[in-house]
PDB file of all heavy atoms in Angstrom:
ATOM      1  N   LYS A   1      -3.559   8.411  -0.719  1.00  0.00           N
ATOM      2  CA  LYS A   1      -3.120   7.498   0.430  1.00  0.00           C
ATOM      3  C   LYS A   1      -1.684   7.143   0.241  1.00  0.00           C
ATOM      4  O   LYS A   1      -1.304   6.310  -0.569  1.00  0.00           O
ATOM      5  CB  LYS A   1      -4.042   6.289   0.365  1.00  0.00           C
ATOM      6  CG  LYS A   1      -3.837   5.278   1.505  1.00  0.00           C
ATOM      7  CD  LYS A   1      -4.768   4.079   1.360  1.00  0.00           C
ATOM      8  CE  LYS A   1      -4.552   3.108   2.469  1.00  0.00           C
ATOM      9  NZ  LYS A   1      -5.491   1.908   2.340  1.00  0.00           N
ATOM     10  N   MET A   2      -0.825   7.703   1.059  1.00  0.00           N
ATOM     11  CA  MET A   2       0.608   7.559   0.970  1.00  0.00           C
ATOM     12  C   MET A   2       1.198   6.761   2.117  1.00  0.00           C
ATOM     13  O   MET A   2       0.870   7.072   3.274  1.00  0.00           O
ATOM     14  CB  MET A   2       1.282   8.875   0.850  1.00  0.00           C
ATOM     15  CG  MET A   2       2.794   8.805   0.565  1.00  0.00           C
ATOM     16  SD  MET A   2       3.672  10.353   0.858  1.00  0.00           S
ATOM     17  CE  MET A   2       3.916  10.275   2.598  1.00  0.00           C
ATOM     18  N   LEU A   3       2.027   5.789   1.846  1.00  0.00           N
ATOM     19  CA  LEU A   3       2.855   5.104   2.821  1.00  0.00           C
ATOM     20  C   LEU A   3       4.285   5.595   2.698  1.00  0.00           C
ATOM     21  O   LEU A   3       4.880   5.623   1.636  1.00  0.00           O
ATOM     22  CB  LEU A   3       2.794   3.596   2.617  1.00  0.00           C
ATOM     23  CG  LEU A   3       3.821   2.781   3.389  1.00  0.00           C
ATOM     24  CD1 LEU A   3       3.460   2.845   4.928  1.00  0.00           C
ATOM     25  CD2 LEU A   3       3.830   1.367   2.941  1.00  0.00           C
ATOM     26  N   PHE A   4       4.843   6.082   3.823  1.00  0.00           N
ATOM     27  CA  PHE A   4       6.256   6.501   3.871  1.00  0.00           C
ATOM     28  C   PHE A   4       7.035   5.472   4.725  1.00  0.00           C
ATOM     29  O   PHE A   4       6.613   5.136   5.884  1.00  0.00           O
ATOM     30  CB  PHE A   4       6.379   7.901   4.520  1.00  0.00           C
ATOM     31  CG  PHE A   4       7.766   8.313   4.715  1.00  0.00           C
ATOM     32  CD1 PHE A   4       8.448   8.875   3.675  1.00  0.00           C
ATOM     33  CD2 PHE A   4       8.409   8.094   5.952  1.00  0.00           C
ATOM     34  CE1 PHE A   4       9.832   9.262   3.859  1.00  0.00           C
ATOM     35  CE2 PHE A   4       9.789   8.415   6.141  1.00  0.00           C
ATOM     36  CZ  PHE A   4      10.472   9.026   5.078  1.00  0.00           C
ATOM     37  N   LEU A   5       8.144   5.004   4.176  1.00  0.00           N
ATOM     38  CA  LEU A   5       9.068   4.146   4.961  1.00  0.00           C
ATOM     39  C   LEU A   5      10.408   4.767   4.919  1.00  0.00           C
ATOM     40  O   LEU A   5      10.961   5.077   3.863  1.00  0.00           O
ATOM     41  CB  LEU A   5       9.120   2.728   4.258  1.00  0.00           C
ATOM     42  CG  LEU A   5       7.793   1.952   4.224  1.00  0.00           C
ATOM     43  CD1 LEU A   5       7.928   0.726   3.396  1.00  0.00           C
ATOM     44  CD2 LEU A   5       7.330   1.674   5.686  1.00  0.00           C
ATOM     45  N   GLY A   6      10.969   4.992   6.098  1.00  0.00           N
ATOM     46  CA  GLY A   6      12.191   5.672   6.261  1.00  0.00           C
ATOM     47  C   GLY A   6      13.322   4.639   6.632  1.00  0.00           C
ATOM     48  O   GLY A   6      13.315   4.155   7.782  1.00  0.00           O
ATOM     49  N   PHE A   7      14.294   4.426   5.802  1.00  0.00           N
ATOM     50  CA  PHE A   7      15.389   3.482   6.019  1.00  0.00           C
ATOM     51  C   PHE A   7      16.606   4.238   6.501  1.00  0.00           C
ATOM     52  O   PHE A   7      17.424   4.781   5.722  1.00  0.00           O
ATOM     53  CB  PHE A   7      15.706   2.713   4.779  1.00  0.00           C
ATOM     54  CG  PHE A   7      14.561   1.863   4.284  1.00  0.00           C
ATOM     55  CD1 PHE A   7      13.650   2.372   3.350  1.00  0.00           C
ATOM     56  CD2 PHE A   7      14.357   0.569   4.829  1.00  0.00           C
ATOM     57  CE1 PHE A   7      12.610   1.561   2.916  1.00  0.00           C
ATOM     58  CE2 PHE A   7      13.241  -0.150   4.345  1.00  0.00           C
ATOM     59  CZ  PHE A   7      12.417   0.284   3.427  1.00  0.00           C
ATOM     60  N   GLY A   8      16.721   4.364   7.866  1.00  0.00           N
ATOM     61  CA  GLY A   8      17.806   5.054   8.428  1.00  0.00           C
ATOM     62  C   GLY A   8      18.487   4.172   9.496  1.00  0.00           C
ATOM     63  O   GLY A   8      18.738   3.049   9.259  1.00  0.00           O
ATOM     64  N   THR A   9      18.699   4.738  10.693  1.00  0.00           N
ATOM     65  CA  THR A   9      19.189   3.941  11.854  1.00  0.00           C
ATOM     66  C   THR A   9      18.243   2.793  12.082  1.00  0.00           C
ATOM     67  O   THR A   9      18.609   1.670  12.369  1.00  0.00           O
ATOM     68  CB  THR A   9      19.390   4.777  13.054  1.00  0.00           C
ATOM     69  OG1 THR A   9      20.250   5.921  12.723  1.00  0.00           O
ATOM     70  CG2 THR A   9      20.048   4.005  14.199  1.00  0.00           C
ATOM     71  N   GLY A  10      16.912   3.096  12.041  1.00  0.00           N
ATOM     72  CA  GLY A  10      15.894   2.153  12.212  1.00  0.00           C
ATOM     73  C   GLY A  10      14.964   2.109  10.953  1.00  0.00           C
ATOM     74  O   GLY A  10      15.470   2.334   9.835  1.00  0.00           O
ATOM     75  N   LEU A  11      13.732   1.796  11.197  1.00  0.00           N
ATOM     76  CA  LEU A  11      12.776   1.861  10.080  1.00  0.00           C
ATOM     77  C   LEU A  11      11.608   2.740  10.565  1.00  0.00           C
ATOM     78  O   LEU A  11      10.874   2.352  11.411  1.00  0.00           O
ATOM     79  CB  LEU A  11      12.210   0.442   9.740  1.00  0.00           C
ATOM     80  CG  LEU A  11      11.046   0.389   8.688  1.00  0.00           C
ATOM     81  CD1 LEU A  11      11.497   0.959   7.387  1.00  0.00           C
ATOM     82  CD2 LEU A  11      10.467  -1.003   8.583  1.00  0.00           C
ATOM     83  N   GLY A  12      11.540   3.915   9.965  1.00  0.00           N
ATOM     84  CA  GLY A  12      10.363   4.776  10.297  1.00  0.00           C
ATOM     85  C   GLY A  12       9.242   4.519   9.352  1.00  0.00           C
ATOM     86  O   GLY A  12       9.408   4.077   8.224  1.00  0.00           O
ATOM     87  N   SER A  13       8.046   4.815   9.861  1.00  0.00           N
ATOM     88  CA  SER A  13       6.798   4.480   9.000  1.00  0.00           C
ATOM     89  C   SER A  13       5.664   5.411   9.363  1.00  0.00           C
ATOM     90  O   SER A  13       5.465   5.716  10.514  1.00  0.00           O
ATOM     91  CB  SER A  13       6.392   3.032   9.196  1.00  0.00           C
ATOM     92  OG  SER A  13       6.201   2.708  10.580  1.00  0.00           O
ATOM     93  N   THR A  14       4.995   5.893   8.288  1.00  0.00           N
ATOM     94  CA  THR A  14       3.892   6.788   8.503  1.00  0.00           C
ATOM     95  C   THR A  14       2.871   6.602   7.328  1.00  0.00           C
ATOM     96  O   THR A  14       3.301   6.377   6.161  1.00  0.00           O
ATOM     97  CB  THR A  14       4.340   8.301   8.474  1.00  0.00           C
ATOM     98  OG1 THR A  14       5.151   8.515   9.606  1.00  0.00           O
ATOM     99  CG2 THR A  14       3.171   9.259   8.567  1.00  0.00           C
ATOM    100  N   MET A  15       1.608   6.709   7.619  1.00  0.00           N
ATOM    101  CA  MET A  15       0.597   6.774   6.570  1.00  0.00           C
ATOM    102  C   MET A  15      -0.095   8.163   6.639  1.00  0.00           C
ATOM    103  O   MET A  15      -0.260   8.761   7.654  1.00  0.00           O
ATOM    104  CB  MET A  15      -0.502   5.756   6.863  1.00  0.00           C
ATOM    105  CG  MET A  15      -0.146   4.326   6.669  1.00  0.00           C
ATOM    106  SD  MET A  15      -0.006   3.829   4.857  1.00  0.00           S
ATOM    107  CE  MET A  15      -1.774   3.906   4.404  1.00  0.00           C
ATOM    108  N   ILE A  16      -0.310   8.675   5.405  1.00  0.00           N
ATOM    109  CA  ILE A  16      -1.156   9.869   5.249  1.00  0.00           C
ATOM    110  C   ILE A  16      -2.210   9.494   4.271  1.00  0.00           C
ATOM    111  O   ILE A  16      -1.994   9.127   3.189  1.00  0.00           O
ATOM    112  CB  ILE A  16      -0.321  11.069   4.742  1.00  0.00           C
ATOM    113  CG1 ILE A  16       0.900  11.350   5.621  1.00  0.00           C
ATOM    114  CG2 ILE A  16      -1.210  12.278   4.655  1.00  0.00           C
ATOM    115  CD1 ILE A  16       1.751  12.596   5.159  1.00  0.00           C
ATOM    116  N   VAL A  17      -3.510   9.722   4.775  1.00  0.00           N
ATOM    117  CA  VAL A  17      -4.700   9.369   3.973  1.00  0.00           C
ATOM    118  C   VAL A  17      -5.552  10.605   3.838  1.00  0.00           C
ATOM    119  O   VAL A  17      -6.115  11.061   4.758  1.00  0.00           O
ATOM    120  CB  VAL A  17      -5.454   8.182   4.596  1.00  0.00           C
ATOM    121  CG1 VAL A  17      -6.628   7.788   3.683  1.00  0.00           C
ATOM    122  CG2 VAL A  17      -4.546   7.012   4.851  1.00  0.00           C
ATOM    123  N   GLU A  18      -5.617  11.101   2.587  1.00  0.00           N
ATOM    124  CA  GLU A  18      -6.406  12.253   2.274  1.00  0.00           C
ATOM    125  C   GLU A  18      -6.147  13.406   3.274  1.00  0.00           C
ATOM    126  O   GLU A  18      -7.064  14.067   3.751  1.00  0.00           O
ATOM    127  CB  GLU A  18      -7.904  11.892   2.224  1.00  0.00           C
ATOM    128  CG  GLU A  18      -8.229  10.820   1.244  1.00  0.00           C
ATOM    129  CD  GLU A  18      -7.898  11.240  -0.177  1.00  0.00           C
ATOM    130  OE1 GLU A  18      -7.794  12.503  -0.449  1.00  0.00           O
ATOM    131  OE2 GLU A  18      -7.745  10.310  -1.026  1.00  0.00           O
ATOM    132  N   GLY A  19      -4.890  13.627   3.588  1.00  0.00           N
ATOM    133  CA  GLY A  19      -4.531  14.710   4.464  1.00  0.00           C
ATOM    134  C   GLY A  19      -4.513  14.384   5.924  1.00  0.00           C
ATOM    135  O   GLY A  19      -4.136  15.262   6.735  1.00  0.00           O
ATOM    136  N   TYR A  20      -4.867  13.194   6.299  1.00  0.00           N
ATOM    137  CA  TYR A  20      -4.822  12.757   7.709  1.00  0.00           C
ATOM    138  C   TYR A  20      -3.600  11.965   7.982  1.00  0.00           C
ATOM    139  O   TYR A  20      -3.331  10.895   7.310  1.00  0.00           O
ATOM    140  CB  TYR A  20      -6.060  11.975   8.122  1.00  0.00           C
ATOM    141  CG  TYR A  20      -7.283  12.813   8.288  1.00  0.00           C
ATOM    142  CD1 TYR A  20      -7.996  13.265   7.224  1.00  0.00           C
ATOM    143  CD2 TYR A  20      -7.697  13.305   9.567  1.00  0.00           C
ATOM    144  CE1 TYR A  20      -9.110  14.082   7.365  1.00  0.00           C
ATOM    145  CE2 TYR A  20      -8.820  14.109   9.729  1.00  0.00           C
ATOM    146  CZ  TYR A  20      -9.508  14.460   8.629  1.00  0.00           C
ATOM    147  OH  TYR A  20     -10.619  15.269   8.777  1.00  0.00           O
ATOM    148  N   LEU A  21      -2.759  12.439   8.874  1.00  0.00           N
ATOM    149  CA  LEU A  21      -1.460  11.836   9.174  1.00  0.00           C
ATOM    150  C   LEU A  21      -1.564  10.858  10.366  1.00  0.00           C
ATOM    151  O   LEU A  21      -2.055  11.258  11.396  1.00  0.00           O
ATOM    152  CB  LEU A  21      -0.361  12.912   9.416  1.00  0.00           C
ATOM    153  CG  LEU A  21       1.016  12.474   9.657  1.00  0.00           C
ATOM    154  CD1 LEU A  21       1.935  13.654   9.114  1.00  0.00           C
ATOM    155  CD2 LEU A  21       1.316  12.340  11.133  1.00  0.00           C
ATOM    156  N   GLU A  22      -0.929   9.662  10.210  1.00  0.00           N
ATOM    157  CA  GLU A  22      -0.934   8.696  11.280  1.00  0.00           C
ATOM    158  C   GLU A  22       0.421   8.070  11.390  1.00  0.00           C
ATOM    159  O   GLU A  22       0.802   7.188  10.548  1.00  0.00           O
ATOM    160  CB  GLU A  22      -1.988   7.597  11.054  1.00  0.00           C
ATOM    161  CG  GLU A  22      -2.178   6.695  12.277  1.00  0.00           C
ATOM    162  CD  GLU A  22      -2.686   7.472  13.532  1.00  0.00           C
ATOM    163  OE1 GLU A  22      -3.599   8.203  13.437  1.00  0.00           O
ATOM    164  OE2 GLU A  22      -2.030   7.313  14.642  1.00  0.00           O
ATOM    165  N   PRO A  23       1.285   8.474  12.277  1.00  0.00           N
ATOM    166  CA  PRO A  23       2.593   7.870  12.507  1.00  0.00           C
ATOM    167  C   PRO A  23       2.369   6.449  13.008  1.00  0.00           C
ATOM    168  O   PRO A  23       1.452   6.133  13.787  1.00  0.00           O
ATOM    169  CB  PRO A  23       3.310   8.721  13.571  1.00  0.00           C
ATOM    170  CG  PRO A  23       2.542  10.003  13.552  1.00  0.00           C
ATOM    171  CD  PRO A  23       1.136   9.633  13.194  1.00  0.00           C
ATOM    172  N   MET A  24       3.350   5.538  12.600  1.00  0.00           N
ATOM    173  CA  MET A  24       3.204   4.128  13.083  1.00  0.00           C
ATOM    174  C   MET A  24       4.576   3.660  13.495  1.00  0.00           C
ATOM    175  O   MET A  24       5.553   4.341  13.251  1.00  0.00           O
ATOM    176  CB  MET A  24       2.726   3.291  11.864  1.00  0.00           C
ATOM    177  CG  MET A  24       1.312   3.687  11.403  1.00  0.00           C
ATOM    178  SD  MET A  24       0.719   2.604  10.082  1.00  0.00           S
ATOM    179  CE  MET A  24       1.759   3.089   8.733  1.00  0.00           C
ATOM    180  N   GLU A  25       4.588   2.528  14.109  1.00  0.00           N
ATOM    181  CA  GLU A  25       5.809   1.942  14.607  1.00  0.00           C
ATOM    182  C   GLU A  25       6.001   0.511  13.990  1.00  0.00           C
ATOM    183  O   GLU A  25       6.187  -0.480  14.720  1.00  0.00           O
ATOM    184  CB  GLU A  25       5.816   1.845  16.137  1.00  0.00           C
ATOM    185  CG  GLU A  25       5.946   3.226  16.851  1.00  0.00           C
ATOM    186  CD  GLU A  25       7.225   3.912  16.610  1.00  0.00           C
ATOM    187  OE1 GLU A  25       8.309   3.219  16.587  1.00  0.00           O
ATOM    188  OE2 GLU A  25       7.271   5.181  16.441  1.00  0.00           O
ATOM    189  N   LEU A  26       5.876   0.475  12.717  1.00  0.00           N
ATOM    190  CA  LEU A  26       5.945  -0.838  12.017  1.00  0.00           C
ATOM    191  C   LEU A  26       7.274  -1.533  12.156  1.00  0.00           C
ATOM    192  O   LEU A  26       7.384  -2.789  12.020  1.00  0.00           O
ATOM    193  CB  LEU A  26       5.592  -0.725  10.568  1.00  0.00           C
ATOM    194  CG  LEU A  26       4.211  -0.113  10.235  1.00  0.00           C
ATOM    195  CD1 LEU A  26       4.038   0.066   8.692  1.00  0.00           C
ATOM    196  CD2 LEU A  26       3.133  -0.996  10.821  1.00  0.00           C
ATOM    197  N   GLY A  27       8.329  -0.750  12.350  1.00  0.00           N
ATOM    198  CA  GLY A  27       9.695  -1.261  12.373  1.00  0.00           C
ATOM    199  C   GLY A  27       9.910  -2.255  13.499  1.00  0.00           C
ATOM    200  O   GLY A  27      10.834  -3.138  13.397  1.00  0.00           O
ATOM    201  N   HIS A  28       9.087  -2.216  14.547  1.00  0.00           N
ATOM    202  CA  HIS A  28       9.282  -3.116  15.681  1.00  0.00           C
ATOM    203  C   HIS A  28       8.384  -4.348  15.701  1.00  0.00           C
ATOM    204  O   HIS A  28       8.314  -5.102  16.611  1.00  0.00           O
ATOM    205  CB  HIS A  28       9.043  -2.333  16.966  1.00  0.00           C
ATOM    206  CG  HIS A  28       9.919  -1.105  17.039  1.00  0.00           C
ATOM    207  ND1 HIS A  28      11.314  -1.173  17.017  1.00  0.00           N
ATOM    208  CD2 HIS A  28       9.618   0.227  17.173  1.00  0.00           C
ATOM    209  CE1 HIS A  28      11.789   0.075  17.113  1.00  0.00           C
ATOM    210  NE2 HIS A  28      10.752   0.907  17.172  1.00  0.00           N
ATOM    211  N   LEU A  29       7.634  -4.547  14.585  1.00  0.00           N
ATOM    212  CA  LEU A  29       6.856  -5.765  14.428  1.00  0.00           C
ATOM    213  C   LEU A  29       7.768  -6.951  14.096  1.00  0.00           C
ATOM    214  O   LEU A  29       8.811  -6.843  13.502  1.00  0.00           O
ATOM    215  CB  LEU A  29       5.834  -5.551  13.224  1.00  0.00           C
ATOM    216  CG  LEU A  29       4.701  -4.510  13.520  1.00  0.00           C
ATOM    217  CD1 LEU A  29       3.900  -4.398  12.227  1.00  0.00           C
ATOM    218  CD2 LEU A  29       3.889  -4.922  14.696  1.00  0.00           C
ATOM    219  N   PRO A  30       7.328  -8.116  14.473  1.00  0.00           N
ATOM    220  CA  PRO A  30       8.146  -9.344  14.284  1.00  0.00           C
ATOM    221  C   PRO A  30       8.422  -9.584  12.813  1.00  0.00           C
ATOM    222  O   PRO A  30       7.468  -9.466  11.944  1.00  0.00           O
ATOM    223  CB  PRO A  30       7.320 -10.485  14.917  1.00  0.00           C
ATOM    224  CG  PRO A  30       6.358  -9.765  15.820  1.00  0.00           C
ATOM    225  CD  PRO A  30       6.095  -8.485  15.253  1.00  0.00           C
ATOM    226  N   TYR A  31       9.627  -9.999  12.478  1.00  0.00           N
ATOM    227  CA  TYR A  31      10.002 -10.402  11.087  1.00  0.00           C
ATOM    228  C   TYR A  31      11.115 -11.355  11.215  1.00  0.00           C
ATOM    229  O   TYR A  31      12.148 -11.084  11.838  1.00  0.00           O
ATOM    230  CB  TYR A  31      10.372  -9.120  10.316  1.00  0.00           C
ATOM    231  CG  TYR A  31      10.848  -9.424   8.939  1.00  0.00           C
ATOM    232  CD1 TYR A  31       9.975  -9.855   7.861  1.00  0.00           C
ATOM    233  CD2 TYR A  31      12.179  -9.228   8.534  1.00  0.00           C
ATOM    234  CE1 TYR A  31      10.357 -10.048   6.643  1.00  0.00           C
ATOM    235  CE2 TYR A  31      12.583  -9.488   7.268  1.00  0.00           C
ATOM    236  CZ  TYR A  31      11.709  -9.876   6.277  1.00  0.00           C
ATOM    237  OH  TYR A  31      12.146 -10.129   5.006  1.00  0.00           O
ATOM    238  N   ARG A  32      11.015 -12.557  10.500  1.00  0.00           N
ATOM    239  CA  ARG A  32      12.033 -13.598  10.537  1.00  0.00           C
ATOM    240  C   ARG A  32      12.460 -13.868  12.000  1.00  0.00           C
ATOM    241  O   ARG A  32      11.654 -14.228  12.810  1.00  0.00           O
ATOM    242  CB  ARG A  32      13.160 -13.157   9.637  1.00  0.00           C
ATOM    243  CG  ARG A  32      12.761 -13.002   8.148  1.00  0.00           C
ATOM    244  CD  ARG A  32      13.841 -12.523   7.256  1.00  0.00           C
ATOM    245  NE  ARG A  32      14.896 -13.564   7.126  1.00  0.00           N
ATOM    246  CZ  ARG A  32      14.871 -14.468   6.128  1.00  0.00           C
ATOM    247  NH1 ARG A  32      13.853 -14.478   5.219  1.00  0.00           N
ATOM    248  NH2 ARG A  32      15.880 -15.371   6.032  1.00  0.00           N
ATOM    249  N   LYS A  33      13.752 -13.684  12.321  1.00  0.00           N
ATOM    250  CA  LYS A  33      14.258 -13.960  13.677  1.00  0.00           C
ATOM    251  C   LYS A  33      14.350 -12.745  14.533  1.00  0.00           C
ATOM    252  O   LYS A  33      15.043 -12.712  15.588  1.00  0.00           O
ATOM    253  CB  LYS A  33      15.578 -14.702  13.584  1.00  0.00           C
ATOM    254  CG  LYS A  33      15.482 -16.062  12.910  1.00  0.00           C
ATOM    255  CD  LYS A  33      16.873 -16.703  12.881  1.00  0.00           C
ATOM    256  CE  LYS A  33      16.814 -18.041  12.184  1.00  0.00           C
ATOM    257  NZ  LYS A  33      18.085 -18.745  12.189  1.00  0.00           N
ATOM    258  N   GLY A  34      13.726 -11.660  14.145  1.00  0.00           N
ATOM    259  CA  GLY A  34      13.808 -10.422  14.897  1.00  0.00           C
ATOM    260  C   GLY A  34      12.614  -9.502  14.591  1.00  0.00           C
ATOM    261  O   GLY A  34      11.502  -9.962  14.695  1.00  0.00           O
ATOM    262  N   THR A  35      12.884  -8.277  14.142  1.00  0.00           N
ATOM    263  CA  THR A  35      11.926  -7.324  13.807  1.00  0.00           C
ATOM    264  C   THR A  35      12.241  -6.819  12.381  1.00  0.00           C
ATOM    265  O   THR A  35      13.371  -7.043  11.859  1.00  0.00           O
ATOM    266  CB  THR A  35      11.821  -6.149  14.771  1.00  0.00           C
ATOM    267  OG1 THR A  35      13.025  -5.409  14.651  1.00  0.00           O
ATOM    268  CG2 THR A  35      11.584  -6.648  16.143  1.00  0.00           C
ATOM    269  N   TYR A  36      11.321  -6.087  11.778  1.00  0.00           N
ATOM    270  CA  TYR A  36      11.630  -5.486  10.504  1.00  0.00           C
ATOM    271  C   TYR A  36      12.866  -4.549  10.609  1.00  0.00           C
ATOM    272  O   TYR A  36      13.781  -4.584   9.739  1.00  0.00           O
ATOM    273  CB  TYR A  36      10.447  -4.559  10.041  1.00  0.00           C
ATOM    274  CG  TYR A  36       9.244  -5.336   9.488  1.00  0.00           C
ATOM    275  CD1 TYR A  36       7.983  -5.046   9.992  1.00  0.00           C
ATOM    276  CD2 TYR A  36       9.462  -6.303   8.464  1.00  0.00           C
ATOM    277  CE1 TYR A  36       6.879  -5.716   9.468  1.00  0.00           C
ATOM    278  CE2 TYR A  36       8.326  -6.931   7.994  1.00  0.00           C
ATOM    279  CZ  TYR A  36       7.054  -6.646   8.477  1.00  0.00           C
ATOM    280  OH  TYR A  36       5.910  -7.366   8.004  1.00  0.00           O
ATOM    281  N   GLU A  37      12.995  -3.766  11.668  1.00  0.00           N
ATOM    282  CA  GLU A  37      14.089  -2.886  11.900  1.00  0.00           C
ATOM    283  C   GLU A  37      15.461  -3.654  11.960  1.00  0.00           C
ATOM    284  O   GLU A  37      16.505  -3.158  11.426  1.00  0.00           O
ATOM    285  CB  GLU A  37      13.891  -2.090  13.156  1.00  0.00           C
ATOM    286  CG  GLU A  37      14.854  -0.970  13.317  1.00  0.00           C
ATOM    287  CD  GLU A  37      14.369   0.005  14.407  1.00  0.00           C
ATOM    288  OE1 GLU A  37      13.530   0.777  14.140  1.00  0.00           O
ATOM    289  OE2 GLU A  37      14.933  -0.080  15.551  1.00  0.00           O
ATOM    290  N   ASP A  38      15.427  -4.865  12.547  1.00  0.00           N
ATOM    291  CA  ASP A  38      16.634  -5.634  12.621  1.00  0.00           C
ATOM    292  C   ASP A  38      17.252  -5.994  11.278  1.00  0.00           C
ATOM    293  O   ASP A  38      18.424  -6.249  11.095  1.00  0.00           O
ATOM    294  CB  ASP A  38      16.374  -6.904  13.464  1.00  0.00           C
ATOM    295  CG  ASP A  38      16.141  -6.632  14.852  1.00  0.00           C
ATOM    296  OD1 ASP A  38      16.732  -5.671  15.397  1.00  0.00           O
ATOM    297  OD2 ASP A  38      15.391  -7.351  15.566  1.00  0.00           O
ATOM    298  N   TYR A  39      16.352  -6.093  10.242  1.00  0.00           N
ATOM    299  CA  TYR A  39      16.777  -6.550   8.918  1.00  0.00           C
ATOM    300  C   TYR A  39      16.977  -5.438   7.907  1.00  0.00           C
ATOM    301  O   TYR A  39      17.854  -5.485   7.053  1.00  0.00           O
ATOM    302  CB  TYR A  39      15.786  -7.604   8.411  1.00  0.00           C
ATOM    303  CG  TYR A  39      15.947  -8.941   9.002  1.00  0.00           C
ATOM    304  CD1 TYR A  39      15.305  -9.196  10.264  1.00  0.00           C
ATOM    305  CD2 TYR A  39      16.681  -9.888   8.487  1.00  0.00           C
ATOM    306  CE1 TYR A  39      15.493 -10.406  10.869  1.00  0.00           C
ATOM    307  CE2 TYR A  39      16.872 -11.174   9.056  1.00  0.00           C
ATOM    308  CZ  TYR A  39      16.254 -11.394  10.321  1.00  0.00           C
ATOM    309  OH  TYR A  39      16.429 -12.595  10.911  1.00  0.00           O
ATOM    310  N   VAL A  40      16.185  -4.301   8.044  1.00  0.00           N
ATOM    311  CA  VAL A  40      16.225  -3.288   7.083  1.00  0.00           C
ATOM    312  C   VAL A  40      16.706  -1.998   7.623  1.00  0.00           C
ATOM    313  O   VAL A  40      16.881  -0.977   6.893  1.00  0.00           O
ATOM    314  CB  VAL A  40      14.929  -3.009   6.353  1.00  0.00           C
ATOM    315  CG1 VAL A  40      14.457  -4.317   5.596  1.00  0.00           C
ATOM    316  CG2 VAL A  40      13.842  -2.617   7.269  1.00  0.00           C
ATOM    317  N   GLY A  41      16.948  -1.888   8.958  1.00  0.00           N
ATOM    318  CA  GLY A  41      17.623  -0.724   9.602  1.00  0.00           C
ATOM    319  C   GLY A  41      19.116  -0.782   9.404  1.00  0.00           C
ATOM    320  O   GLY A  41      19.704  -1.705   8.703  1.00  0.00           O
ATOM    321  N   LEU A  42      19.853   0.123  10.044  1.00  0.00           N
ATOM    322  CA  LEU A  42      21.246   0.152   9.946  1.00  0.00           C
ATOM    323  C   LEU A  42      21.926  -1.130  10.462  1.00  0.00           C
ATOM    324  O   LEU A  42      22.934  -1.613   9.910  1.00  0.00           O
ATOM    325  CB  LEU A  42      21.799   1.369  10.667  1.00  0.00           C
ATOM    326  CG  LEU A  42      23.277   1.603  10.599  1.00  0.00           C
ATOM    327  CD1 LEU A  42      23.727   1.788   9.088  1.00  0.00           C
ATOM    328  CD2 LEU A  42      23.735   2.861  11.388  1.00  0.00           C
ATOM    329  N   ARG A  43      21.363  -1.732  11.503  1.00  0.00           N
ATOM    330  CA  ARG A  43      21.891  -3.004  12.041  1.00  0.00           C
ATOM    331  C   ARG A  43      21.871  -4.075  11.000  1.00  0.00           C
ATOM    332  O   ARG A  43      22.838  -4.884  10.880  1.00  0.00           O
ATOM    333  CB  ARG A  43      21.171  -3.423  13.300  1.00  0.00           C
ATOM    334  CG  ARG A  43      21.335  -2.544  14.526  1.00  0.00           C
ATOM    335  CD  ARG A  43      20.798  -3.250  15.743  1.00  0.00           C
ATOM    336  NE  ARG A  43      19.399  -3.485  15.661  1.00  0.00           N
ATOM    337  CZ  ARG A  43      18.463  -2.599  15.983  1.00  0.00           C
ATOM    338  NH1 ARG A  43      18.775  -1.373  16.380  1.00  0.00           N
ATOM    339  NH2 ARG A  43      17.179  -2.914  15.856  1.00  0.00           N
ATOM    340  N   GLY A  44      20.764  -4.105  10.355  1.00  0.00           N
ATOM    341  CA  GLY A  44      20.612  -5.169   9.284  1.00  0.00           C
ATOM    342  C   GLY A  44      21.579  -4.934   8.161  1.00  0.00           C
ATOM    343  O   GLY A  44      22.100  -5.893   7.575  1.00  0.00           O
TER     344      GLY A  44
END
């Protein structure tokens, strides 16, 4: 069960569980005064 987090222009996120891949959009979830991406992406 692997979590991938990609710190680039934004925040990319994907889970792979026993060979099943599920892309996610966690970077746009609320965090502090913005989103995760606002703080750990390139803007942040």
